[in-house]
């Protein structure tokens, strides 16, 4: 049974950004904590090491990561298969690499903004072969500044294309009506997160397939 859940925020976001989602999970009886990490100064490698240390000190049953947080979570668990994490939900994470990140990296000031996260965000992560069951919730409301830096094909959330959230090895995937930043406050996204944490699958969403 999933009881203890750890939430990871994304790039440029502080830990309190996930307060609405954490509160919603707690209201459903889950023990939800937020893992804060520096997204600019330290880079993903430091975040991965810190997350692994956190999991050793205080194990959890599941992780929910928004955007970069999903990438960090999967990389940490790939290197630490004995972490005991049963399920992971990635919210709008560019698992196959981000065209917006690539567009920003091509600009001098954009490369500075991305810092050490550029390589991970541009490349994404390898096909998932880890122990944890992983589900992905993508957004389809095209609202966000990401559109200014790259052409996003197909459905997208204003920053990440739905296609960029699909990774080999992860079959559980659903699309909800939310923008990239709006995923953390979306009632529909939270409902899907809860369904996956409890049952390992998503409920069908109107207008989009869910498995």
C-alpha atoms as a PDB file:
ATOM      1  CA  UNK A   1       0.000   0.000   0.000  1.00  0.00           C
ATOM      2  CA  UNK A   2       1.255   3.464  -0.876  1.00  0.00           C
ATOM      3  CA  UNK A   3       1.354   5.744   2.162  1.00  0.00           C
ATOM      4  CA  UNK A   4       4.511   7.858   2.108  1.00  0.00           C
ATOM      5  CA  UNK A   5       4.951  10.096  -0.921  1.00  0.00           C
ATOM      6  CA  UNK A   6       7.802  12.479  -1.719  1.00  0.00           C
ATOM      7  CA  UNK A   7       7.242  15.405  -4.113  1.00  0.00           C
ATOM      8  CA  UNK A   8       9.978  16.981  -6.256  1.00  0.00           C
ATOM      9  CA  UNK A   9       9.606  20.409  -7.865  1.00  0.00           C
ATOM     10  CA  UNK A  10      10.940  21.519 -11.214  1.00  0.00           C
ATOM     11  CA  UNK A  11      13.377  24.070 -12.593  1.00  0.00           C
ATOM     12  CA  UNK A  12      13.121  27.627 -11.200  1.00  0.00           C
ATOM     13  CA  UNK A  13      10.509  26.499  -8.656  1.00  0.00           C
ATOM     14  CA  UNK A  14      10.888  26.531  -4.855  1.00  0.00           C
ATOM     15  CA  UNK A  15       9.654  23.688  -2.681  1.00  0.00           C
ATOM     16  CA  UNK A  16       6.502  25.584  -1.668  1.00  0.00           C
ATOM     17  CA  UNK A  17       5.407  25.531  -5.316  1.00  0.00           C
ATOM     18  CA  UNK A  18       4.120  22.022  -4.682  1.00  0.00           C
ATOM     19  CA  UNK A  19       2.060  22.984  -1.613  1.00  0.00           C
ATOM     20  CA  UNK A  20      -1.317  22.660  -3.421  1.00  0.00           C
ATOM     21  CA  UNK A  21      -0.508  19.177  -4.670  1.00  0.00           C
ATOM     22  CA  UNK A  22       0.948  18.077  -1.334  1.00  0.00           C
ATOM     23  CA  UNK A  23      -2.127  19.372   0.465  1.00  0.00           C
ATOM     24  CA  UNK A  24      -4.428  17.523  -1.899  1.00  0.00           C
ATOM     25  CA  UNK A  25      -2.592  14.242  -1.339  1.00  0.00           C
ATOM     26  CA  UNK A  26      -2.650  14.711   2.431  1.00  0.00           C
ATOM     27  CA  UNK A  27      -6.391  15.326   2.294  1.00  0.00           C
ATOM     28  CA  UNK A  28      -6.696  11.843   0.806  1.00  0.00           C
ATOM     29  CA  UNK A  29      -4.819  10.264   3.692  1.00  0.00           C
ATOM     30  CA  UNK A  30      -1.321  10.119   2.220  1.00  0.00           C
ATOM     31  CA  UNK A  31       1.810  11.292   4.020  1.00  0.00           C
ATOM     32  CA  UNK A  32       3.156  13.789   1.501  1.00  0.00           C
ATOM     33  CA  UNK A  33       6.453  15.633   1.958  1.00  0.00           C
ATOM     34  CA  UNK A  34       8.252  17.962  -0.438  1.00  0.00           C
ATOM     35  CA  UNK A  35      11.930  17.480  -1.280  1.00  0.00           C
ATOM     36  CA  UNK A  36      13.575  20.831  -1.974  1.00  0.00           C
ATOM     37  CA  UNK A  37      16.804  21.142  -3.927  1.00  0.00           C
ATOM     38  CA  UNK A  38      18.687  23.968  -5.686  1.00  0.00           C
ATOM     39  CA  UNK A  39      17.793  23.798  -9.363  1.00  0.00           C
ATOM     40  CA  UNK A  40      20.406  26.278 -10.565  1.00  0.00           C
ATOM     41  CA  UNK A  41      23.467  26.353  -8.346  1.00  0.00           C
ATOM     42  CA  UNK A  42      23.846  22.643  -7.715  1.00  0.00           C
ATOM     43  CA  UNK A  43      22.668  21.014 -10.915  1.00  0.00           C
ATOM     44  CA  UNK A  44      20.979  17.629 -11.334  1.00  0.00           C
ATOM     45  CA  UNK A  45      23.918  15.533 -10.171  1.00  0.00           C
ATOM     46  CA  UNK A  46      23.897  17.173  -6.766  1.00  0.00           C
ATOM     47  CA  UNK A  47      20.112  16.837  -6.589  1.00  0.00           C
ATOM     48  CA  UNK A  48      20.308  13.129  -7.444  1.00  0.00           C
ATOM     49  CA  UNK A  49      22.869  12.454  -4.715  1.00  0.00           C
ATOM     50  CA  UNK A  50      20.838  14.421  -2.173  1.00  0.00           C
ATOM     51  CA  UNK A  51      17.658  12.597  -3.118  1.00  0.00           C
ATOM     52  CA  UNK A  52      19.334   9.230  -2.733  1.00  0.00           C
ATOM     53  CA  UNK A  53      20.553  10.264   0.727  1.00  0.00           C
ATOM     54  CA  UNK A  54      17.017  11.369   1.625  1.00  0.00           C
ATOM     55  CA  UNK A  55      15.591   8.025   0.528  1.00  0.00           C
ATOM     56  CA  UNK A  56      18.120   6.133   2.626  1.00  0.00           C
ATOM     57  CA  UNK A  57      17.414   8.255   5.702  1.00  0.00           C
ATOM     58  CA  UNK A  58      13.618   8.300   5.327  1.00  0.00           C
ATOM     59  CA  UNK A  59      12.288   5.752   2.817  1.00  0.00           C
ATOM     60  CA  UNK A  60       9.084   6.471   0.906  1.00  0.00           C
ATOM     61  CA  UNK A  61       6.669   4.364  -1.101  1.00  0.00           C
ATOM     62  CA  UNK A  62       6.297   6.708  -4.053  1.00  0.00           C
ATOM     63  CA  UNK A  63       7.654   9.846  -5.692  1.00  0.00           C
ATOM     64  CA  UNK A  64       5.826  12.515  -7.677  1.00  0.00           C
ATOM     65  CA  UNK A  65       8.083  14.784  -9.734  1.00  0.00           C
ATOM     66  CA  UNK A  66       7.096  17.858 -11.712  1.00  0.00           C
ATOM     67  CA  UNK A  67       9.104  18.615 -14.855  1.00  0.00           C
ATOM     68  CA  UNK A  68      12.834  18.436 -13.973  1.00  0.00           C
ATOM     69  CA  UNK A  69      11.832  16.742 -10.725  1.00  0.00           C
ATOM     70  CA  UNK A  70      10.635  13.706 -12.664  1.00  0.00           C
ATOM     71  CA  UNK A  71      13.967  13.419 -14.465  1.00  0.00           C
ATOM     72  CA  UNK A  72      15.880  13.683 -11.195  1.00  0.00           C
ATOM     73  CA  UNK A  73      13.663  11.039  -9.589  1.00  0.00           C
ATOM     74  CA  UNK A  74      14.123   8.513 -12.404  1.00  0.00           C
ATOM     75  CA  UNK A  75      17.872   9.032 -12.560  1.00  0.00           C
ATOM     76  CA  UNK A  76      18.179   8.611  -8.786  1.00  0.00           C
ATOM     77  CA  UNK A  77      16.156   5.396  -8.827  1.00  0.00           C
ATOM     78  CA  UNK A  78      17.956   4.033 -11.881  1.00  0.00           C
ATOM     79  CA  UNK A  79      21.197   4.246  -9.912  1.00  0.00           C
ATOM     80  CA  UNK A  80      19.588   3.055  -6.672  1.00  0.00           C
ATOM     81  CA  UNK A  81      17.293   0.121  -7.533  1.00  0.00           C
ATOM     82  CA  UNK A  82      17.066  -0.959  -3.888  1.00  0.00           C
ATOM     83  CA  UNK A  83      15.484   2.334  -2.771  1.00  0.00           C
ATOM     84  CA  UNK A  84      12.161   0.604  -2.098  1.00  0.00           C
ATOM     85  CA  UNK A  85      10.133   3.118  -4.133  1.00  0.00           C
ATOM     86  CA  UNK A  86       7.196   1.266  -5.677  1.00  0.00           C
ATOM     87  CA  UNK A  87       5.671   3.962  -7.896  1.00  0.00           C
ATOM     88  CA  UNK A  88       6.663   7.211  -9.554  1.00  0.00           C
ATOM     89  CA  UNK A  89       4.479   9.799 -11.259  1.00  0.00           C
ATOM     90  CA  UNK A  90       6.100  12.330 -13.595  1.00  0.00           C
ATOM     91  CA  UNK A  91       4.128  15.518 -14.226  1.00  0.00           C
ATOM     92  CA  UNK A  92       5.014  17.176 -17.515  1.00  0.00           C
ATOM     93  CA  UNK A  93       8.577  15.824 -17.422  1.00  0.00           C
ATOM     94  CA  UNK A  94      10.431  15.955 -20.774  1.00  0.00           C
ATOM     95  CA  UNK A  95      11.664  12.392 -20.411  1.00  0.00           C
ATOM     96  CA  UNK A  96      12.785  12.216 -24.043  1.00  0.00           C
ATOM     97  CA  UNK A  97      14.435  15.622 -23.963  1.00  0.00           C
ATOM     98  CA  UNK A  98      13.123  19.156 -24.241  1.00  0.00           C
ATOM     99  CA  UNK A  99      13.063  21.190 -27.437  1.00  0.00           C
ATOM    100  CA  UNK A 100      12.521  24.313 -25.340  1.00  0.00           C
ATOM    101  CA  UNK A 101      15.639  23.540 -23.292  1.00  0.00           C
ATOM    102  CA  UNK A 102      17.588  23.025 -26.513  1.00  0.00           C
ATOM    103  CA  UNK A 103      16.324  26.353 -27.824  1.00  0.00           C
ATOM    104  CA  UNK A 104      17.301  28.131 -24.624  1.00  0.00           C
ATOM    105  CA  UNK A 105      20.719  26.491 -24.542  1.00  0.00           C
ATOM    106  CA  UNK A 106      21.460  27.925 -27.989  1.00  0.00           C
ATOM    107  CA  UNK A 107      21.135  31.417 -26.535  1.00  0.00           C
ATOM    108  CA  UNK A 108      23.907  32.689 -24.294  1.00  0.00           C
ATOM    109  CA  UNK A 109      21.575  34.022 -21.618  1.00  0.00           C
ATOM    110  CA  UNK A 110      19.406  30.917 -21.917  1.00  0.00           C
ATOM    111  CA  UNK A 111      22.381  28.661 -21.314  1.00  0.00           C
ATOM    112  CA  UNK A 112      23.116  30.660 -18.167  1.00  0.00           C
ATOM    113  CA  UNK A 113      19.521  30.188 -16.979  1.00  0.00           C
ATOM    114  CA  UNK A 114      19.608  26.439 -17.522  1.00  0.00           C
ATOM    115  CA  UNK A 115      23.041  26.122 -15.954  1.00  0.00           C
ATOM    116  CA  UNK A 116      24.111  22.552 -15.210  1.00  0.00           C
ATOM    117  CA  UNK A 117      20.613  21.273 -15.967  1.00  0.00           C
ATOM    118  CA  UNK A 118      20.982  21.865 -19.706  1.00  0.00           C
ATOM    119  CA  UNK A 119      22.418  18.460 -20.609  1.00  0.00           C
ATOM    120  CA  UNK A 120      19.786  16.443 -18.732  1.00  0.00           C
ATOM    121  CA  UNK A 121      16.895  18.567 -19.979  1.00  0.00           C
ATOM    122  CA  UNK A 122      18.077  18.417 -23.587  1.00  0.00           C
ATOM    123  CA  UNK A 123      18.800  14.688 -23.649  1.00  0.00           C
ATOM    124  CA  UNK A 124      16.199  13.301 -21.259  1.00  0.00           C
ATOM    125  CA  UNK A 125      16.705   9.921 -19.622  1.00  0.00           C
ATOM    126  CA  UNK A 126      17.290   6.371 -20.943  1.00  0.00           C
ATOM    127  CA  UNK A 127      14.420   3.965 -21.572  1.00  0.00           C
ATOM    128  CA  UNK A 128      13.013   2.932 -18.202  1.00  0.00           C
ATOM    129  CA  UNK A 129      14.091  -0.490 -16.944  1.00  0.00           C
ATOM    130  CA  UNK A 130      13.877   0.250 -13.230  1.00  0.00           C
ATOM    131  CA  UNK A 131      12.015  -1.497 -10.435  1.00  0.00           C
ATOM    132  CA  UNK A 132       9.417   1.210  -9.748  1.00  0.00           C
ATOM    133  CA  UNK A 133       6.218   1.378 -11.792  1.00  0.00           C
ATOM    134  CA  UNK A 134       6.179   4.760 -13.551  1.00  0.00           C
ATOM    135  CA  UNK A 135       3.239   6.774 -14.826  1.00  0.00           C
ATOM    136  CA  UNK A 136       3.288  10.048 -16.725  1.00  0.00           C
ATOM    137  CA  UNK A 137       0.721  12.848 -16.654  1.00  0.00           C
ATOM    138  CA  UNK A 138       1.171  15.319 -19.517  1.00  0.00           C
ATOM    139  CA  UNK A 139      -0.609  18.612 -20.102  1.00  0.00           C
ATOM    140  CA  UNK A 140      -2.349  19.729 -23.287  1.00  0.00           C
ATOM    141  CA  UNK A 141      -3.190  23.389 -22.521  1.00  0.00           C
ATOM    142  CA  UNK A 142      -0.733  25.338 -24.714  1.00  0.00           C
ATOM    143  CA  UNK A 143      -0.062  28.218 -22.364  1.00  0.00           C
ATOM    144  CA  UNK A 144       3.479  29.171 -21.394  1.00  0.00           C
ATOM    145  CA  UNK A 145       6.590  31.056 -22.478  1.00  0.00           C
ATOM    146  CA  UNK A 146       8.264  27.902 -23.748  1.00  0.00           C
ATOM    147  CA  UNK A 147       6.582  28.402 -27.123  1.00  0.00           C
ATOM    148  CA  UNK A 148       8.780  31.461 -27.657  1.00  0.00           C
ATOM    149  CA  UNK A 149      11.968  29.403 -27.744  1.00  0.00           C
ATOM    150  CA  UNK A 150      11.039  26.317 -29.757  1.00  0.00           C
ATOM    151  CA  UNK A 151       8.416  24.963 -32.081  1.00  0.00           C
ATOM    152  CA  UNK A 152       6.415  22.365 -30.186  1.00  0.00           C
ATOM    153  CA  UNK A 153       4.809  19.749 -32.410  1.00  0.00           C
ATOM    154  CA  UNK A 154       1.450  18.216 -31.613  1.00  0.00           C
ATOM    155  CA  UNK A 155      -0.219  18.658 -28.242  1.00  0.00           C
ATOM    156  CA  UNK A 156       1.800  20.488 -25.623  1.00  0.00           C
ATOM    157  CA  UNK A 157       1.476  22.309 -22.316  1.00  0.00           C
ATOM    158  CA  UNK A 158       3.186  25.521 -23.408  1.00  0.00           C
ATOM    159  CA  UNK A 159       6.625  24.230 -22.408  1.00  0.00           C
ATOM    160  CA  UNK A 160       6.778  20.476 -22.976  1.00  0.00           C
ATOM    161  CA  UNK A 161       5.276  18.553 -25.896  1.00  0.00           C
ATOM    162  CA  UNK A 162       3.201  15.494 -25.039  1.00  0.00           C
ATOM    163  CA  UNK A 163       5.494  13.464 -27.307  1.00  0.00           C
ATOM    164  CA  UNK A 164       8.467  14.504 -25.180  1.00  0.00           C
ATOM    165  CA  UNK A 165       6.852  12.929 -22.106  1.00  0.00           C
ATOM    166  CA  UNK A 166       6.568   9.462 -23.677  1.00  0.00           C
ATOM    167  CA  UNK A 167       9.483   7.186 -22.830  1.00  0.00           C
ATOM    168  CA  UNK A 168      10.091   3.564 -23.863  1.00  0.00           C
ATOM    169  CA  UNK A 169       9.549   1.294 -20.891  1.00  0.00           C
ATOM    170  CA  UNK A 170       6.719   3.425 -19.488  1.00  0.00           C
ATOM    171  CA  UNK A 171       3.268   2.329 -20.651  1.00  0.00           C
ATOM    172  CA  UNK A 172       1.115   4.259 -18.170  1.00  0.00           C
ATOM    173  CA  UNK A 173       0.477   7.675 -19.700  1.00  0.00           C
ATOM    174  CA  UNK A 174      -2.399  10.160 -19.699  1.00  0.00           C
ATOM    175  CA  UNK A 175      -3.039  13.689 -20.915  1.00  0.00           C
ATOM    176  CA  UNK A 176      -5.015  16.294 -18.969  1.00  0.00           C
ATOM    177  CA  UNK A 177      -6.241  19.823 -19.648  1.00  0.00           C
ATOM    178  CA  UNK A 178      -3.498  21.786 -17.898  1.00  0.00           C
ATOM    179  CA  UNK A 179      -0.524  23.962 -18.742  1.00  0.00           C
ATOM    180  CA  UNK A 180       2.997  23.075 -17.652  1.00  0.00           C
ATOM    181  CA  UNK A 181       2.925  25.181 -14.501  1.00  0.00           C
ATOM    182  CA  UNK A 182      -0.753  24.435 -13.975  1.00  0.00           C
ATOM    183  CA  UNK A 183      -0.170  20.695 -13.624  1.00  0.00           C
ATOM    184  CA  UNK A 184       0.748  21.065  -9.950  1.00  0.00           C
ATOM    185  CA  UNK A 185      -2.577  22.761  -9.127  1.00  0.00           C
ATOM    186  CA  UNK A 186      -4.835  20.912 -11.578  1.00  0.00           C
ATOM    187  CA  UNK A 187      -7.670  18.955  -9.965  1.00  0.00           C
ATOM    188  CA  UNK A 188      -7.700  16.548 -12.905  1.00  0.00           C
ATOM    189  CA  UNK A 189      -3.945  15.964 -12.674  1.00  0.00           C
ATOM    190  CA  UNK A 190      -4.187  15.364  -8.926  1.00  0.00           C
ATOM    191  CA  UNK A 191      -6.984  12.842  -9.470  1.00  0.00           C
ATOM    192  CA  UNK A 192      -4.835  10.964 -11.959  1.00  0.00           C
ATOM    193  CA  UNK A 193      -1.839  11.046  -9.612  1.00  0.00           C
ATOM    194  CA  UNK A 194      -3.929   9.581  -6.804  1.00  0.00           C
ATOM    195  CA  UNK A 195      -5.330   6.873  -9.080  1.00  0.00           C
ATOM    196  CA  UNK A 196      -1.863   5.804 -10.167  1.00  0.00           C
ATOM    197  CA  UNK A 197      -0.423   5.877  -6.650  1.00  0.00           C
ATOM    198  CA  UNK A 198      -3.245   3.666  -5.405  1.00  0.00           C
ATOM    199  CA  UNK A 199      -3.840   1.354  -8.357  1.00  0.00           C
ATOM    200  CA  UNK A 200      -0.844   1.635 -10.668  1.00  0.00           C
ATOM    201  CA  UNK A 201      -2.980   2.893 -13.559  1.00  0.00           C
ATOM    202  CA  UNK A 202      -4.787   6.011 -14.732  1.00  0.00           C
ATOM    203  CA  UNK A 203      -8.489   6.552 -15.190  1.00  0.00           C
ATOM    204  CA  UNK A 204      -9.702   7.368 -18.707  1.00  0.00           C
ATOM    205  CA  UNK A 205      -9.765  11.108 -19.352  1.00  0.00           C
ATOM    206  CA  UNK A 206     -12.279  12.703 -21.698  1.00  0.00           C
ATOM    207  CA  UNK A 207     -10.746  13.200 -25.116  1.00  0.00           C
ATOM    208  CA  UNK A 208      -7.501  11.365 -24.403  1.00  0.00           C
ATOM    209  CA  UNK A 209      -6.488   7.748 -23.814  1.00  0.00           C
ATOM    210  CA  UNK A 210      -5.253   6.629 -20.419  1.00  0.00           C
ATOM    211  CA  UNK A 211      -3.695   3.338 -19.368  1.00  0.00           C
END
